[in-house]
Structure formats: structure tokens, C-alpha cells
Amino acid sequence: MRGKGWKVGWVVCAVLGGMGTASRARAQGEGVPLSLEEVLGSTREHHPRMEAAQRDVAAAEAELLAARGGFDPLVRARGLAIPFGYYQHERIEATVEQPTPLWGLRLSAGYRLGQGDFPVYYGQYETLSAGEVHAGLALPLWRDGAIDKRRAVLAQARLRQRIAAFELAGERLGLQRQAAYQYWDWVAAGRQLTIATSQYELALARRAQLAHRVTAGDIPQIEHTENERVLLGRDADRIAARRALERATLKLSLFLRDARGEPQVVSTARLPSGFPVPAALMEEGMERWLEQALRRRPELRGLDLRREVLEVDVALARNLAAPAVDLGLRVARDVGVGPANLRPTEVQGSLVLDIPLFAREARGQRRAAEAKQAAVAARARYAREEIITEVRDALSALRASHERVGLAHGAAEVARQLARAEYTRFEHGDTSLLVVNQREQAAVEAEIGEVRALVDYQRALVDLLAATVALEPSSEAPRDNGPRGP
């Protein structure tokens, strides 16, 4: 069982090598042993917590759609009529405005019609008979140039959508780890029930043999009574092991679900025959596992994105403190008949200056965003340290549990040999059934110790794969493609 060292590269294949077996197992019926991948696949596809996390992703996508609405064109229309009074006139105005993500540029186009009598001070409302068409643009030269509220909201919505995708991946990874734990606990409970049942059946088979030998005067009555005592105790152990298996099966059903998402209580007929035999390992690959964990862990990527969200807040606060220098250009032309002074094409240029004197709001928002940014950076630093420790601990646990499996297997073999040898001595009258039962109890404890060592080994393997995101199929890893257009 002990190799010269340990080879970590094989472990991914050990757990993930059965990809795709879930559908085949379902098709083949109840007699097929339940595989770990079937449980993991069911958890990924049908667990309610996955559905809840997917709803969060859908909500983030809806928020992104709402943020893109900031760049929707806006139509404004207005009509005014004064049929009674000294200056009787009518006015109609309609304008389409289109904000763009290009340095805050805003475009506009529209039409207006003004007919009737206008006072001198409202002469700008008058148009030729067919009205006026106009187009214009507004370009911020300083504030709202590099960033503005619309673009900030859109950028943050994109980032939050990616954060939600990584949170979904983190939820999926955590659920798969729990599912794997429950699966191996279920396998262990099945194995312990097998051990308890075999010991009970052994004592039951001896009952008739011992009764015959007592009748023949070969052994004293106390030996038969001793077997009855052991038989009762082993029956109680068998019932306890059966109850432990039922509990493990029910817990497993929370992760093993049908297409409708309902828990499946799996039959004991689908219990595997035992645990896979651990392969030899070699002492290498620590840096590779650490690099993979730090590159793929979703919580680290999520924290990086949260820091980017706050960077947008900092940039927006800086923008709010800057002076507004807006350049405007408008071209208008009247069509139809009417006064000659309305016929020429009109070109207007404008420059608007707006300077915040104290900018306390902007400074406060910037300081708050920078403080939150520092807090996220501290959490990211600690999360990185936790992940490094988690990977190292998982590798250490895998190494130790591998050694324990070898020792436990050897101890179980020796205990079984001693139990068989002691019973042979009993048959020759060289010992008592009490000593035989003690030897057999020691063998049972050694076998259960081996089962526990195997469970610890599989848990350590799951921990390593979860810590390095090797439980996560590559096709389901969140894609981080960066920002796209509005």
C-alpha cells in the first residue's frame, strides 16, 4: 500500500475519470453501483441551492439590461395652443436625444412648429410655415468626459454580472464538496453494515454447531451461552449499522435528485462493493496545485471584481469634483414660407462652465470608495492566505491518510488471521469461545478502522480537488470575457 512517494496528478482522474457515467447509470437501472460523478452531476443540475444561485445570476443580467437602458434614445414632445388672447399662437416641439458612451457625447435631433402671433420677446418660437428641423450635439470636455453616471452604472452592472457568475461557481463547488462527503459517508455506512451483518451471521451459524457439541459433551454449556450473548450484541450492532446506513442514505438524497429536483432515496443494491484502492503517490506538484487554486478559485476572482466595482466609484467621485466644461453645437433650418429673417440656416455654438467650489460630496464619496476598496483588498489578501493553507493542509491530509490506509489494511489482515487462528484453537479445545469472540471483536474494530481511514483518505482527496477547483468541470467554469458594448 505504501509507494515510494506520492504522485498528485492522478487524483483528478481518480474522481473525475467517470465523467458522463451518470446518464449511463440511470439508464442501466438499480443494479448499477452509484458513482460519485452521478451524485455530483445531480447536485450541479438539480439542487435547489443551485437554482437559487442561478436566479441571482438572472437578476444580475436583468440589472445589466436596466443599466444599458441609460443609453436608450429619449423622445420629448410638447404642444401648446393659445386660442384666446392678444397673442394667439400654437407651438409643437419634438426632440429625440441619444446619449452615447463615446466620451459622454450626446446627440439630438428634432422638429418644431410655431404659428400665430408672438410677442417680440418670444420671437424665437416662430417658424416658417413647414416648421424647423434641427440637430445638435453636446460634448463634455472635462467632467463627464472619461466617465459619467450612465457609463459607471453600466460598467458596474457588467462587473456584478460576472461576480454573480463566480458566486454561482463557488456555490456549485461547495455543494459538490458536501455531496462528495455524503457519498463517501454512505459508502462507509454500507461497508460497516456488511461487516456487522457478517459477524452476526457468523455467530448465528455457530449456534447450531455449538448446541450439537454441548449435547455431545464436547464443550461445556457456558460456551453456548457465551455465543448467545455475542449473538445478541452483534444483532444490536447490526441494527445500529442499518440505522446509520439509513441516515446516510437520507442525507445523500439531499444531493441525489431526479430531473424534477426531488430527492432520491437510493437503494442499498446500488452500494459499491467497497472503496477504490489508493494509488501510490509521489512528493511533487505542490506549486502546481497552489497555482491552479489561486488562479481558479471563484471567491478570489469575485473579490477582484468587487475591487473593480469600487474603482469605478472612485473614478466617478473624481469626475464629480472636476469642473464641467461642455461644448455644444446646434444646426437649425426652417422650411416653408414666412418672414425672410427665418430662412437662413442657423448654426449655434455654446460653451458652459460649471465649477464646484468645495466639492465636499465628491471628496466624501471618493474617501468612502477608497476605504471600501482597502477593505476588499484586505479580505482578498486573507482569502489568498486561506486558500494556500487549505491546499497545503489537503495535501498533508492526503499524505497522512494514505499512510494510515496502508497501516489500517495491514492491521485488519493481522486481526483477521488472529481471529481465524483463535477459532482453530477453540475447535481443538485449546481456548475458550470468549477469547475467540475477543479476537473477532478486535478484527471488527480493525476493519472499521480501515473503513474510517479510507473515508478520511477520500475526504482529503475531495478537499484537495475542491480547493483547486478540480471538482468543477471546465465546461461549467464561469467565463470572464470582460466588458462589452452597451
Protein backbone atom coordinates (compact mmCIF):
# COMPACT_ATOMS: atom_id res chain seq x y z
CA MET A 1 0.00 0.00 0.00
CA ARG A 2 2.87 2.38 0.60
CA GLY A 3 4.59 3.65 -2.51
CA LYS A 4 7.99 5.28 -2.57
CA GLY A 5 6.34 8.60 -2.67
CA TRP A 6 3.34 10.39 -3.95
CA LYS A 7 2.01 11.46 -7.20
CA VAL A 8 -0.73 14.04 -7.11
CA GLY A 9 -1.50 14.23 -10.80
CA TRP A 10 -3.52 11.03 -10.77
CA VAL A 11 -6.09 12.26 -8.28
CA VAL A 12 -8.13 14.26 -10.77
CA CYS A 13 -8.57 11.19 -12.93
CA ALA A 14 -9.48 9.14 -9.86
CA VAL A 15 -12.54 11.26 -9.15
CA LEU A 16 -13.34 12.87 -12.47
CA GLY A 17 -12.46 9.93 -14.70
CA GLY A 18 -16.06 8.80 -14.56
CA MET A 19 -17.45 11.92 -16.27
CA GLY A 20 -20.55 11.01 -18.17
CA THR A 21 -21.32 7.85 -16.19
CA ALA A 22 -24.35 9.47 -14.57
CA SER A 23 -26.60 9.12 -17.59
CA ARG A 24 -25.40 5.58 -18.26
CA ALA A 25 -26.05 4.56 -14.65
CA ARG A 26 -29.59 5.88 -14.75
CA ALA A 27 -30.21 4.04 -17.99
CA GLN A 28 -28.90 0.72 -16.66
CA GLY A 29 -31.19 0.57 -13.62
CA GLU A 30 -30.95 -0.02 -9.93
CA GLY A 31 -28.31 -2.75 -10.09
CA VAL A 32 -25.56 -0.41 -11.23
CA PRO A 33 -23.39 0.85 -8.34
CA LEU A 34 -23.95 4.51 -7.67
CA SER A 35 -20.91 6.53 -8.76
CA LEU A 36 -19.61 9.71 -7.24
CA GLU A 37 -19.94 11.52 -10.57
CA GLU A 38 -23.63 10.65 -10.73
CA VAL A 39 -24.12 12.35 -7.37
CA LEU A 40 -22.01 15.35 -8.37
CA GLY A 41 -23.83 15.71 -11.68
CA SER A 42 -27.21 15.55 -9.97
CA THR A 43 -26.10 18.19 -7.48
CA ARG A 44 -24.89 20.52 -10.20
CA GLU A 45 -28.05 20.18 -12.27
CA HIS A 46 -30.92 19.85 -9.81
CA HIS A 47 -30.01 21.08 -6.32
CA PRO A 48 -32.31 23.90 -5.06
CA ARG A 49 -29.38 25.98 -3.89
CA MET A 50 -28.03 25.90 -7.43
CA GLU A 51 -31.37 27.15 -8.67
CA ALA A 52 -31.24 29.99 -6.13
CA ALA A 53 -27.72 30.95 -7.24
CA GLN A 54 -28.82 30.85 -10.88
CA ARG A 55 -31.65 33.23 -10.01
CA ASP A 56 -29.04 35.63 -8.65
CA VAL A 57 -27.24 35.43 -12.00
CA ALA A 58 -30.53 36.13 -13.79
CA ALA A 59 -31.11 39.12 -11.51
CA ALA A 60 -27.63 40.46 -12.33
CA GLU A 61 -28.35 40.05 -16.04
CA ALA A 62 -31.60 41.98 -15.59
CA GLU A 63 -29.70 44.76 -13.80
CA LEU A 64 -27.28 44.87 -16.73
CA LEU A 65 -30.21 45.27 -19.10
CA ALA A 66 -31.52 48.11 -16.94
CA ALA A 67 -28.09 49.79 -16.99
CA ARG A 68 -27.98 49.57 -20.78
CA GLY A 69 -31.30 51.40 -20.73
CA GLY A 70 -29.37 54.52 -19.74
CA PHE A 71 -28.30 54.73 -23.39
CA ASP A 72 -31.77 54.30 -24.83
CA PRO A 73 -32.91 57.18 -27.04
CA LEU A 74 -35.33 59.58 -25.38
CA VAL A 75 -38.20 61.27 -27.19
CA ARG A 76 -39.61 64.53 -25.83
CA ALA A 77 -42.70 66.15 -27.31
CA ARG A 78 -44.71 69.19 -26.30
CA GLY A 79 -47.66 71.08 -27.70
CA LEU A 80 -49.03 74.49 -26.70
CA ALA A 81 -52.02 76.43 -28.03
CA ILE A 82 -53.31 79.90 -27.04
CA PRO A 83 -56.58 80.30 -28.99
CA PHE A 84 -57.77 83.30 -26.97
CA GLY A 85 -55.77 86.34 -26.02
CA TYR A 86 -53.84 89.18 -27.60
CA TYR A 87 -51.10 86.90 -28.97
CA GLN A 88 -52.87 83.87 -30.36
CA HIS A 89 -50.46 81.15 -31.49
CA GLU A 90 -49.67 77.42 -31.44
CA ARG A 91 -46.41 75.63 -30.86
CA ILE A 92 -45.37 72.00 -31.37
CA GLU A 93 -41.96 70.63 -30.40
CA ALA A 94 -40.49 67.10 -30.67
CA THR A 95 -36.90 66.08 -29.91
CA VAL A 96 -35.00 62.80 -29.94
CA GLU A 97 -31.94 62.62 -27.68
CA GLN A 98 -29.36 59.87 -27.88
CA PRO A 99 -26.66 59.57 -25.18
CA THR A 100 -23.57 57.65 -26.27
CA PRO A 101 -20.65 56.01 -24.42
CA LEU A 102 -18.20 57.99 -26.60
CA TRP A 103 -16.68 60.49 -24.14
CA GLY A 104 -20.15 61.38 -22.90
CA LEU A 105 -21.23 62.68 -26.31
CA ARG A 106 -24.98 63.38 -26.59
CA LEU A 107 -26.73 63.71 -29.93
CA SER A 108 -30.11 65.27 -30.59
CA ALA A 109 -32.45 65.89 -33.49
CA GLY A 110 -35.91 67.39 -33.62
CA TYR A 111 -38.65 69.36 -35.21
CA ARG A 112 -40.68 72.34 -34.09
CA LEU A 113 -43.50 74.40 -35.49
CA GLY A 114 -44.57 77.82 -34.27
CA GLN A 115 -47.50 79.62 -35.95
CA GLY A 116 -49.53 82.70 -35.00
CA ASP A 117 -48.78 85.99 -33.28
CA PHE A 118 -45.78 86.10 -30.92
CA PRO A 119 -44.58 88.96 -28.73
CA VAL A 120 -41.15 90.30 -29.52
CA TYR A 121 -39.62 88.60 -26.52
CA TYR A 122 -40.94 85.20 -27.75
CA GLY A 123 -39.84 85.67 -31.34
CA GLN A 124 -37.59 82.61 -31.18
CA TYR A 125 -40.67 80.41 -31.13
CA GLU A 126 -41.84 81.48 -34.58
CA THR A 127 -41.01 79.29 -37.59
CA LEU A 128 -41.76 79.19 -41.29
CA SER A 129 -44.96 77.51 -42.39
CA ALA A 130 -43.47 73.98 -42.59
CA GLY A 131 -41.58 74.29 -39.32
CA GLU A 132 -37.96 73.94 -38.30
CA VAL A 133 -35.70 70.88 -38.29
CA HIS A 134 -32.64 70.91 -36.11
CA ALA A 135 -29.80 68.68 -34.93
CA GLY A 136 -27.15 69.14 -32.30
CA LEU A 137 -24.55 67.62 -30.08
CA ALA A 138 -23.17 68.23 -26.61
CA LEU A 139 -19.64 67.16 -25.75
CA PRO A 140 -18.24 67.33 -22.21
CA LEU A 141 -14.61 68.42 -22.30
CA TRP A 142 -13.79 67.71 -18.64
CA ARG A 143 -16.41 66.44 -16.20
CA ASP A 144 -18.43 63.51 -17.58
CA GLY A 145 -15.88 63.02 -20.35
CA ALA A 146 -13.89 59.95 -19.29
CA ILE A 147 -16.75 58.67 -17.15
CA ASP A 148 -20.24 59.68 -16.18
CA LYS A 149 -23.14 58.22 -14.20
CA ARG A 150 -24.54 56.24 -17.12
CA ARG A 151 -21.24 54.61 -18.00
CA ALA A 152 -20.40 53.96 -14.36
CA VAL A 153 -23.72 52.19 -13.77
CA LEU A 154 -23.22 50.12 -16.93
CA ALA A 155 -19.64 49.17 -16.05
CA GLN A 156 -20.64 48.16 -12.53
CA ALA A 157 -23.60 46.15 -13.81
CA ARG A 158 -21.25 44.22 -16.09
CA LEU A 159 -18.91 43.57 -13.20
CA ARG A 160 -21.76 42.44 -10.93
CA GLN A 161 -22.95 40.06 -13.62
CA ARG A 162 -19.50 38.44 -13.64
CA ILE A 163 -19.45 38.46 -9.82
CA ALA A 164 -22.77 36.58 -9.82
CA ALA A 165 -21.31 34.01 -12.21
CA PHE A 166 -18.36 33.42 -9.87
CA GLU A 167 -20.68 33.22 -6.87
CA LEU A 168 -22.64 30.58 -8.76
CA ALA A 169 -19.42 28.67 -9.36
CA GLY A 170 -18.50 28.97 -5.68
CA GLU A 171 -21.91 27.69 -4.61
CA ARG A 172 -21.62 24.80 -7.05
CA LEU A 173 -18.15 23.94 -5.78
CA GLY A 174 -19.23 23.98 -2.13
CA LEU A 175 -22.28 21.82 -2.86
CA GLN A 176 -20.19 19.30 -4.74
CA ARG A 177 -17.79 19.05 -1.82
CA GLN A 178 -20.70 18.37 0.55
CA ALA A 179 -22.17 15.87 -1.90
CA ALA A 180 -18.87 14.01 -2.13
CA TYR A 181 -18.62 13.89 1.67
CA GLN A 182 -22.12 12.42 1.92
CA TYR A 183 -21.41 9.92 -0.83
CA TRP A 184 -18.33 8.51 0.90
CA ASP A 185 -20.12 8.50 4.26
CA TRP A 186 -22.87 6.46 2.57
CA VAL A 187 -20.33 4.01 1.13
CA ALA A 188 -18.67 3.72 4.55
CA ALA A 189 -22.03 3.11 6.26
CA GLY A 190 -22.77 0.37 3.74
CA ARG A 191 -19.40 -1.24 4.36
CA GLN A 192 -19.89 -1.11 8.14
CA LEU A 193 -23.31 -2.73 7.77
CA THR A 194 -21.69 -5.51 5.73
CA ILE A 195 -19.11 -6.07 8.47
CA ALA A 196 -21.76 -6.09 11.22
CA THR A 197 -24.02 -8.43 9.24
CA SER A 198 -21.23 -10.89 8.52
CA GLN A 199 -20.30 -11.03 12.21
CA TYR A 200 -23.92 -11.57 13.19
CA GLU A 201 -24.33 -14.35 10.62
CA LEU A 202 -21.12 -15.96 11.84
CA ALA A 203 -22.43 -16.12 15.41
CA LEU A 204 -25.82 -17.34 14.14
CA ALA A 205 -24.19 -20.15 12.15
CA ARG A 206 -22.24 -21.26 15.22
CA ARG A 207 -25.36 -21.57 17.35
CA ALA A 208 -26.39 -24.98 15.97
CA GLN A 209 -22.81 -26.22 15.89
CA LEU A 210 -22.19 -25.27 19.50
CA ALA A 211 -25.51 -26.74 20.63
CA HIS A 212 -24.57 -30.03 18.97
CA ARG A 213 -21.15 -30.04 20.66
CA VAL A 214 -22.69 -29.25 24.05
CA THR A 215 -25.12 -32.16 23.62
CA ALA A 216 -22.22 -34.40 22.66
CA GLY A 217 -20.31 -33.28 25.77
CA ASP A 218 -17.51 -31.87 23.68
CA ILE A 219 -17.72 -28.40 25.25
CA PRO A 220 -19.41 -27.02 28.36
CA GLN A 221 -22.78 -25.29 28.26
CA ILE A 222 -21.17 -21.95 29.06
CA GLU A 223 -19.65 -21.83 25.60
CA HIS A 224 -23.08 -21.99 24.01
CA THR A 225 -24.32 -19.31 26.42
CA GLU A 226 -21.35 -17.14 25.53
CA ASN A 227 -22.29 -17.41 21.87
CA GLU A 228 -25.88 -16.39 22.69
CA ARG A 229 -24.56 -13.29 24.46
CA VAL A 230 -22.40 -12.38 21.49
CA LEU A 231 -25.25 -13.10 19.09
CA LEU A 232 -27.48 -10.58 20.87
CA GLY A 233 -24.75 -7.97 20.93
CA ARG A 234 -23.93 -8.43 17.25
CA ASP A 235 -27.61 -8.23 16.35
CA ALA A 236 -27.76 -4.88 18.15
CA ASP A 237 -24.64 -3.75 16.27
CA ARG A 238 -26.24 -4.83 13.00
CA ILE A 239 -29.38 -2.81 13.77
CA ALA A 240 -27.28 0.23 14.67
CA ALA A 241 -25.28 -0.12 11.45
CA ARG A 242 -28.50 -0.45 9.44
CA ARG A 243 -29.83 2.72 11.06
CA ALA A 244 -26.54 4.52 10.27
CA LEU A 245 -26.88 3.46 6.64
CA GLU A 246 -30.48 4.70 6.51
CA ARG A 247 -29.39 8.05 7.94
CA ALA A 248 -26.54 8.30 5.44
CA THR A 249 -28.92 7.39 2.59
CA LEU A 250 -31.36 10.11 3.60
CA LYS A 251 -28.58 12.69 3.81
CA LEU A 252 -27.31 11.60 0.41
CA SER A 253 -30.81 12.06 -1.05
CA LEU A 254 -30.47 15.82 -0.45
CA PHE A 255 -27.82 15.82 -3.19
CA LEU A 256 -29.01 12.97 -5.41
CA ARG A 257 -32.10 14.30 -7.19
CA ASP A 258 -34.26 13.42 -10.16
CA ALA A 259 -34.97 15.62 -13.18
CA ARG A 260 -37.71 17.45 -11.23
CA GLY A 261 -35.31 18.24 -8.40
CA GLU A 262 -36.93 15.81 -5.96
CA PRO A 263 -34.64 13.90 -3.52
CA GLN A 264 -33.92 10.29 -4.49
CA VAL A 265 -33.53 7.71 -1.73
CA VAL A 266 -31.07 5.36 -3.36
CA SER A 267 -31.41 1.60 -2.93
CA THR A 268 -28.79 -0.35 -0.99
CA ALA A 269 -28.49 -2.51 -4.11
CA ARG A 270 -26.53 0.35 -5.63
CA LEU A 271 -23.87 0.37 -2.94
CA PRO A 272 -20.37 -0.07 -4.38
CA SER A 273 -18.50 -3.18 -3.29
CA GLY A 274 -16.01 -1.04 -1.40
CA PHE A 275 -13.61 1.87 -1.67
CA PRO A 276 -11.20 2.37 -4.56
CA VAL A 277 -7.68 1.34 -3.64
CA PRO A 278 -5.45 4.40 -3.18
CA ALA A 279 -2.61 4.52 -5.67
CA ALA A 280 1.00 5.25 -4.86
CA LEU A 281 1.83 8.94 -4.51
CA MET A 282 4.94 10.98 -5.10
CA GLU A 283 6.05 14.12 -3.33
CA GLU A 284 5.71 16.65 -6.13
CA GLY A 285 3.30 19.13 -7.60
CA MET A 286 2.69 21.44 -4.60
CA GLU A 287 3.41 24.59 -6.60
CA ARG A 288 1.23 23.41 -9.45
CA TRP A 289 -1.72 22.80 -7.13
CA LEU A 290 -1.24 26.19 -5.45
CA GLU A 291 -1.05 27.98 -8.80
CA GLN A 292 -4.21 26.26 -10.00
CA ALA A 293 -6.10 27.09 -6.79
CA LEU A 294 -5.09 30.77 -6.82
CA ARG A 295 -5.96 31.06 -10.50
CA ARG A 296 -9.33 29.30 -10.43
CA ARG A 297 -10.89 29.84 -7.01
CA PRO A 298 -14.12 31.78 -7.65
CA GLU A 299 -14.04 33.75 -4.39
CA LEU A 300 -10.70 35.32 -5.34
CA ARG A 301 -11.98 36.28 -8.77
CA GLY A 302 -15.14 37.66 -7.19
CA LEU A 303 -13.12 39.83 -4.79
CA ASP A 304 -11.01 41.13 -7.69
CA LEU A 305 -14.19 42.14 -9.48
CA ARG A 306 -15.60 43.81 -6.35
CA ARG A 307 -12.43 45.87 -6.19
CA GLU A 308 -13.04 46.90 -9.80
CA VAL A 309 -16.59 47.95 -8.89
CA LEU A 310 -15.17 50.24 -6.24
CA GLU A 311 -12.58 51.57 -8.67
CA VAL A 312 -15.49 52.77 -10.78
CA ASP A 313 -16.90 54.54 -7.69
CA VAL A 314 -13.52 56.23 -7.10
CA ALA A 315 -13.34 57.35 -10.73
CA LEU A 316 -16.91 58.65 -10.57
CA ALA A 317 -16.14 60.62 -7.40
CA ARG A 318 -13.07 62.19 -9.03
CA ASN A 319 -15.23 63.09 -12.00
CA LEU A 320 -17.80 64.76 -9.73
CA ALA A 321 -15.12 67.04 -8.29
CA ALA A 322 -13.93 68.22 -11.72
CA PRO A 323 -15.25 71.38 -13.42
CA ALA A 324 -17.87 70.92 -16.11
CA VAL A 325 -16.82 72.37 -19.45
CA ASP A 326 -19.45 71.43 -22.04
CA LEU A 327 -19.22 72.26 -25.70
CA GLY A 328 -22.49 72.45 -27.64
CA LEU A 329 -23.26 72.69 -31.32
CA ARG A 330 -26.69 73.12 -32.91
CA VAL A 331 -27.75 73.44 -36.54
CA ALA A 332 -31.33 74.50 -37.43
CA ARG A 333 -33.17 75.32 -40.66
CA ASP A 334 -36.70 76.50 -41.27
CA VAL A 335 -38.68 75.30 -44.30
CA GLY A 336 -41.80 76.70 -45.91
CA VAL A 337 -42.96 80.27 -46.36
CA GLY A 338 -42.80 83.17 -43.97
CA PRO A 339 -40.55 86.02 -42.84
CA ALA A 340 -37.23 86.30 -44.66
CA ASN A 341 -35.24 86.51 -41.45
CA LEU A 342 -36.22 82.90 -40.63
CA ARG A 343 -34.94 81.43 -43.91
CA PRO A 344 -31.14 81.25 -43.35
CA THR A 345 -29.59 78.15 -41.80
CA GLU A 346 -28.73 78.84 -38.18
CA VAL A 347 -25.60 77.46 -36.51
CA GLN A 348 -25.20 77.88 -32.77
CA GLY A 349 -22.19 77.13 -30.63
CA SER A 350 -22.11 77.17 -26.85
CA LEU A 351 -19.66 76.67 -24.02
CA VAL A 352 -20.92 76.04 -20.49
CA LEU A 353 -18.66 76.21 -17.44
CA ASP A 354 -19.68 74.82 -14.04
CA ILE A 355 -17.13 74.79 -11.19
CA PRO A 356 -17.87 73.15 -7.80
CA LEU A 357 -16.29 75.34 -5.11
CA PHE A 358 -15.92 72.91 -2.21
CA ALA A 359 -16.74 69.52 -3.80
CA ARG A 360 -17.40 68.02 -0.39
CA GLU A 361 -19.84 65.50 -1.80
CA ALA A 362 -17.26 64.28 -4.31
CA ARG A 363 -14.47 64.14 -1.71
CA GLY A 364 -16.68 62.22 0.71
CA GLN A 365 -17.74 59.72 -1.93
CA ARG A 366 -14.13 59.19 -3.00
CA ARG A 367 -12.90 58.58 0.54
CA ALA A 368 -15.74 56.13 1.19
CA ALA A 369 -14.99 54.22 -2.01
CA GLU A 370 -11.25 54.11 -1.27
CA ALA A 371 -11.92 52.82 2.27
CA LYS A 372 -14.18 50.08 0.91
CA GLN A 373 -11.54 49.27 -1.70
CA ALA A 374 -8.89 48.84 1.02
CA ALA A 375 -11.28 46.59 2.96
CA VAL A 376 -11.85 44.38 -0.10
CA ALA A 377 -8.09 44.23 -0.70
CA ALA A 378 -7.55 43.07 2.90
CA ARG A 379 -10.25 40.40 2.53
CA ALA A 380 -8.69 39.26 -0.74
CA ARG A 381 -5.27 39.02 0.89
CA TYR A 382 -6.64 36.90 3.72
CA ALA A 383 -8.66 34.74 1.30
CA ARG A 384 -5.47 34.07 -0.65
CA GLU A 385 -3.68 33.04 2.53
CA GLU A 386 -6.61 30.80 3.47
CA ILE A 387 -6.55 29.10 0.09
CA ILE A 388 -2.80 28.47 0.27
CA THR A 389 -3.22 26.98 3.74
CA GLU A 390 -6.19 24.92 2.60
CA VAL A 391 -4.27 23.39 -0.31
CA ARG A 392 -1.24 22.62 1.83
CA ASP A 393 -3.43 21.11 4.54
CA ALA A 394 -5.29 18.99 1.99
CA LEU A 395 -2.04 17.65 0.57
CA SER A 396 -0.77 16.94 4.10
CA ALA A 397 -4.03 15.18 4.99
CA LEU A 398 -3.90 13.16 1.78
CA ARG A 399 -0.36 12.04 2.54
CA ALA A 400 -1.16 11.11 6.15
CA SER A 401 -4.41 9.35 5.29
CA HIS A 402 -2.65 7.38 2.55
CA GLU A 403 -0.15 6.12 5.12
CA ARG A 404 -2.99 5.35 7.56
CA VAL A 405 -4.83 3.31 4.94
CA GLY A 406 -1.78 1.12 4.49
CA LEU A 407 -1.36 0.63 8.23
CA ALA A 408 -5.08 0.03 8.80
CA HIS A 409 -5.21 -2.53 6.00
CA GLY A 410 -2.27 -4.38 7.49
CA ALA A 411 -3.80 -4.25 10.97
CA ALA A 412 -7.10 -5.64 9.67
CA GLU A 413 -5.36 -8.51 7.88
CA VAL A 414 -3.42 -9.44 11.01
CA ALA A 415 -6.54 -9.21 13.19
CA ARG A 416 -8.48 -11.48 10.84
CA GLN A 417 -5.65 -14.02 10.85
CA LEU A 418 -5.58 -13.99 14.63
CA ALA A 419 -9.35 -14.47 14.79
CA ARG A 420 -9.20 -17.46 12.43
CA ALA A 421 -6.27 -18.96 14.28
CA GLU A 422 -8.01 -18.50 17.64
CA TYR A 423 -11.12 -20.26 16.37
CA THR A 424 -8.99 -23.14 15.12
CA ARG A 425 -7.54 -23.43 18.61
CA PHE A 426 -11.07 -23.41 20.00
CA GLU A 427 -12.06 -26.28 17.76
CA HIS A 428 -9.12 -28.25 19.16
CA GLY A 429 -10.10 -27.36 22.72
CA ASP A 430 -7.08 -25.15 23.36
CA THR A 431 -9.01 -21.96 24.14
CA SER A 432 -12.46 -20.66 25.02
CA LEU A 433 -15.13 -19.03 22.89
CA LEU A 434 -14.74 -15.89 24.99
CA VAL A 435 -11.21 -15.42 23.68
CA VAL A 436 -12.39 -16.21 20.14
CA ASN A 437 -15.04 -13.52 20.44
CA GLN A 438 -12.49 -11.05 21.71
CA ARG A 439 -10.26 -11.82 18.75
CA GLU A 440 -13.18 -11.42 16.36
CA GLN A 441 -14.21 -8.15 18.01
CA ALA A 442 -10.65 -6.90 17.57
CA ALA A 443 -10.86 -7.89 13.90
CA VAL A 444 -14.14 -5.99 13.54
CA GLU A 445 -12.64 -2.90 15.13
CA ALA A 446 -9.63 -3.17 12.81
CA GLU A 447 -11.88 -3.48 9.76
CA ILE A 448 -13.92 -0.47 10.85
CA GLY A 449 -10.64 1.38 11.43
CA GLU A 450 -9.68 0.57 7.85
CA VAL A 451 -13.04 1.87 6.62
CA ARG A 452 -12.56 5.10 8.57
CA ALA A 453 -9.06 5.50 7.18
CA LEU A 454 -10.41 5.04 3.65
CA VAL A 455 -13.16 7.60 4.31
CA ASP A 456 -10.58 10.07 5.63
CA TYR A 457 -8.48 9.46 2.54
CA GLN A 458 -11.42 10.11 0.20
CA ARG A 459 -12.40 13.23 2.15
CA ALA A 460 -8.83 14.54 1.91
CA LEU A 461 -8.90 13.84 -1.82
CA VAL A 462 -12.21 15.71 -2.17
CA ASP A 463 -10.77 18.61 -0.16
CA LEU A 464 -7.78 18.84 -2.48
CA LEU A 465 -9.91 18.72 -5.62
CA ALA A 466 -12.35 21.28 -4.20
CA ALA A 467 -9.54 23.58 -3.03
CA THR A 468 -8.03 23.56 -6.53
CA VAL A 469 -11.43 23.67 -8.32
CA ALA A 470 -10.71 20.29 -9.92
CA LEU A 471 -14.22 19.12 -8.94
CA GLU A 472 -15.58 21.77 -11.32
CA PRO A 473 -16.00 20.62 -14.94
CA SER A 474 -14.18 23.01 -17.25
CA SER A 475 -17.30 23.49 -19.34
CA GLU A 476 -19.13 24.90 -16.31
CA ALA A 477 -16.43 27.27 -15.12
CA PRO A 478 -17.56 30.90 -15.39
CA ARG A 479 -16.15 32.68 -18.39
CA ASP A 480 -14.63 36.08 -17.76
CA ASN A 481 -14.75 37.72 -21.17
CA GLY A 482 -14.57 41.29 -19.92
CA PRO A 483 -16.82 44.22 -20.75
CA ARG A 484 -18.78 44.59 -23.95
CA GLY A 485 -20.63 47.47 -25.60
CA PRO A 486 -23.92 48.85 -24.29
